Amino acid sequence: MAEKREDWHLSKSVPVTIIAVMVVQFAGAIWFFSTLDSNVASNNRRIASLESEVSDIRATAQTQAVQLGRIESSLEAMRETLGRISALLERNYAGK
């Protein structure tokens, strides 16, 4: 008993427009995924750039924090000096 092997074939009743639509959909899917891949690659580059910028901003902020601490220390020393000068002036004027 030999089995009869039937090869796959497309029925002549299938309109050409259906085949054309399937080809267009396939091409659209390829275009969509290539655009998606391009967007992902672009986003990855942008994220790397932003990470670098954030790192630079953090370093700058740290430097500014140290400078601000120094400025505050200097201002406190100036306040103390001005307080002593004010006290001396008050004593000098009060004694007259």
C-alpha atoms as a PDB file:
ATOM      1  CA  MET A   1       0.000   0.000   0.000  1.00  0.00           C
ATOM      2  CA  ALA A   2       1.756   2.965  -1.243  1.00  0.00           C
ATOM      3  CA  GLU A   3       0.519   6.225   0.196  1.00  0.00           C
ATOM      4  CA  LYS A   4      -0.242   8.868  -2.283  1.00  0.00           C
ATOM      5  CA  ARG A   5       1.836  11.931  -1.455  1.00  0.00           C
ATOM      6  CA  GLU A   6       0.180  15.202  -2.252  1.00  0.00           C
ATOM      7  CA  ASP A   7       2.441  18.198  -2.659  1.00  0.00           C
ATOM      8  CA  TRP A   8       1.264  21.464  -1.231  1.00  0.00           C
ATOM      9  CA  HIS A   9      -0.104  23.836  -3.786  1.00  0.00           C
ATOM     10  CA  LEU A  10      -2.022  27.063  -3.882  1.00  0.00           C
ATOM     11  CA  SER A  11      -5.529  26.850  -5.071  1.00  0.00           C
ATOM     12  CA  LYS A  12      -6.329  28.934  -8.116  1.00  0.00           C
ATOM     13  CA  SER A  13      -9.335  30.291  -6.270  1.00  0.00           C
ATOM     14  CA  VAL A  14      -7.087  32.429  -3.976  1.00  0.00           C
ATOM     15  CA  PRO A  15      -7.127  35.996  -5.277  1.00  0.00           C
ATOM     16  CA  VAL A  16      -3.841  37.724  -6.077  1.00  0.00           C
ATOM     17  CA  THR A  17      -4.851  40.618  -3.836  1.00  0.00           C
ATOM     18  CA  ILE A  18      -4.715  38.394  -0.752  1.00  0.00           C
ATOM     19  CA  ILE A  19      -1.180  37.364  -1.648  1.00  0.00           C
ATOM     20  CA  ALA A  20      -0.254  41.004  -2.319  1.00  0.00           C
ATOM     21  CA  VAL A  21      -1.731  42.086   1.034  1.00  0.00           C
ATOM     22  CA  MET A  22       0.239  39.368   2.836  1.00  0.00           C
ATOM     23  CA  VAL A  23       3.466  40.484   1.150  1.00  0.00           C
ATOM     24  CA  VAL A  24       2.771  44.123   2.078  1.00  0.00           C
ATOM     25  CA  GLN A  25       2.032  43.128   5.680  1.00  0.00           C
ATOM     26  CA  PHE A  26       5.235  41.132   5.843  1.00  0.00           C
ATOM     27  CA  ALA A  27       7.213  44.076   4.459  1.00  0.00           C
ATOM     28  CA  GLY A  28       5.484  46.374   6.946  1.00  0.00           C
ATOM     29  CA  ALA A  29       6.381  44.074   9.815  1.00  0.00           C
ATOM     30  CA  ILE A  30      10.019  44.041   8.732  1.00  0.00           C
ATOM     31  CA  TRP A  31      10.011  47.841   8.456  1.00  0.00           C
ATOM     32  CA  PHE A  32       8.360  48.173  11.887  1.00  0.00           C
ATOM     33  CA  PHE A  33      10.890  45.926  13.614  1.00  0.00           C
ATOM     34  CA  SER A  34      13.851  47.588  11.924  1.00  0.00           C
ATOM     35  CA  THR A  35      12.535  50.990  13.030  1.00  0.00           C
ATOM     36  CA  LEU A  36      11.990  49.622  16.518  1.00  0.00           C
ATOM     37  CA  ASP A  37      15.561  48.314  16.612  1.00  0.00           C
ATOM     38  CA  SER A  38      16.837  51.694  15.423  1.00  0.00           C
ATOM     39  CA  ASN A  39      14.853  53.468  18.157  1.00  0.00           C
ATOM     40  CA  VAL A  40      16.191  51.121  20.819  1.00  0.00           C
ATOM     41  CA  ALA A  41      19.763  51.714  19.653  1.00  0.00           C
ATOM     42  CA  SER A  42      19.169  55.478  19.640  1.00  0.00           C
ATOM     43  CA  ASN A  43      17.690  55.339  23.143  1.00  0.00           C
ATOM     44  CA  ASN A  44      20.664  53.309  24.374  1.00  0.00           C
ATOM     45  CA  ARG A  45      23.074  55.955  23.045  1.00  0.00           C
ATOM     46  CA  ARG A  46      20.991  58.723  24.630  1.00  0.00           C
ATOM     47  CA  ILE A  47      20.891  56.900  27.985  1.00  0.00           C
ATOM     48  CA  ALA A  48      24.677  56.495  27.931  1.00  0.00           C
ATOM     49  CA  SER A  49      25.036  60.207  27.167  1.00  0.00           C
ATOM     50  CA  LEU A  50      22.661  61.155  29.985  1.00  0.00           C
ATOM     51  CA  GLU A  51      24.481  58.891  32.434  1.00  0.00           C
ATOM     52  CA  SER A  52      27.712  60.695  31.566  1.00  0.00           C
ATOM     53  CA  GLU A  53      26.046  64.084  32.055  1.00  0.00           C
ATOM     54  CA  VAL A  54      24.584  63.014  35.403  1.00  0.00           C
ATOM     55  CA  SER A  55      28.018  61.850  36.522  1.00  0.00           C
ATOM     56  CA  ASP A  56      29.509  65.228  35.585  1.00  0.00           C
ATOM     57  CA  ILE A  57      26.696  67.075  37.368  1.00  0.00           C
ATOM     58  CA  ARG A  58      27.218  64.983  40.508  1.00  0.00           C
ATOM     59  CA  ALA A  59      30.932  65.776  40.502  1.00  0.00           C
ATOM     60  CA  THR A  60      30.191  69.486  40.056  1.00  0.00           C
ATOM     61  CA  ALA A  61      27.589  69.394  42.829  1.00  0.00           C
ATOM     62  CA  GLN A  62      30.076  67.728  45.164  1.00  0.00           C
ATOM     63  CA  THR A  63      32.675  70.393  44.404  1.00  0.00           C
ATOM     64  CA  GLN A  64      30.120  73.150  44.961  1.00  0.00           C
ATOM     65  CA  ALA A  65      29.067  71.595  48.266  1.00  0.00           C
ATOM     66  CA  VAL A  66      32.670  71.709  49.471  1.00  0.00           C
ATOM     67  CA  GLN A  67      33.016  75.314  48.293  1.00  0.00           C
ATOM     68  CA  LEU A  68      29.765  76.249  50.029  1.00  0.00           C
ATOM     69  CA  GLY A  69      31.059  74.736  53.259  1.00  0.00           C
ATOM     70  CA  ARG A  70      34.203  76.837  52.981  1.00  0.00           C
ATOM     71  CA  ILE A  71      32.160  79.979  52.281  1.00  0.00           C
ATOM     72  CA  GLU A  72      29.957  79.301  55.322  1.00  0.00           C
ATOM     73  CA  SER A  73      33.049  78.840  57.491  1.00  0.00           C
ATOM     74  CA  SER A  74      34.494  82.107  56.202  1.00  0.00           C
ATOM     75  CA  LEU A  75      31.217  83.934  56.848  1.00  0.00           C
ATOM     76  CA  GLU A  76      31.047  82.582  60.374  1.00  0.00           C
ATOM     77  CA  ALA A  77      34.600  83.751  61.027  1.00  0.00           C
ATOM     78  CA  MET A  78      33.707  87.193  59.634  1.00  0.00           C
ATOM     79  CA  ARG A  79      30.608  87.344  61.870  1.00  0.00           C
ATOM     80  CA  GLU A  80      32.739  86.580  64.904  1.00  0.00           C
ATOM     81  CA  THR A  81      35.267  89.243  63.904  1.00  0.00           C
ATOM     82  CA  LEU A  82      32.521  91.797  63.280  1.00  0.00           C
ATOM     83  CA  GLY A  83      30.975  90.916  66.629  1.00  0.00           C
ATOM     84  CA  ARG A  84      34.271  91.538  68.396  1.00  0.00           C
ATOM     85  CA  ILE A  85      34.763  94.829  66.503  1.00  0.00           C
ATOM     86  CA  SER A  86      31.215  95.878  67.373  1.00  0.00           C
ATOM     87  CA  ALA A  87      31.773  95.012  71.031  1.00  0.00           C
ATOM     88  CA  LEU A  88      35.012  97.029  71.084  1.00  0.00           C
ATOM     89  CA  LEU A  89      33.348 100.012  69.433  1.00  0.00           C
ATOM     90  CA  GLU A  90      30.447  99.881  71.896  1.00  0.00           C
ATOM     91  CA  ARG A  91      32.858  99.798  74.821  1.00  0.00           C
ATOM     92  CA  ASN A  92      34.816 102.716  73.403  1.00  0.00           C
ATOM     93  CA  TYR A  93      31.711 104.835  72.804  1.00  0.00           C
ATOM     94  CA  ALA A  94      30.133 103.849  76.103  1.00  0.00           C
ATOM     95  CA  GLY A  95      33.238 104.965  77.962  1.00  0.00           C
ATOM     96  CA  LYS A  96      33.140 108.485  76.503  1.00  0.00           C
END
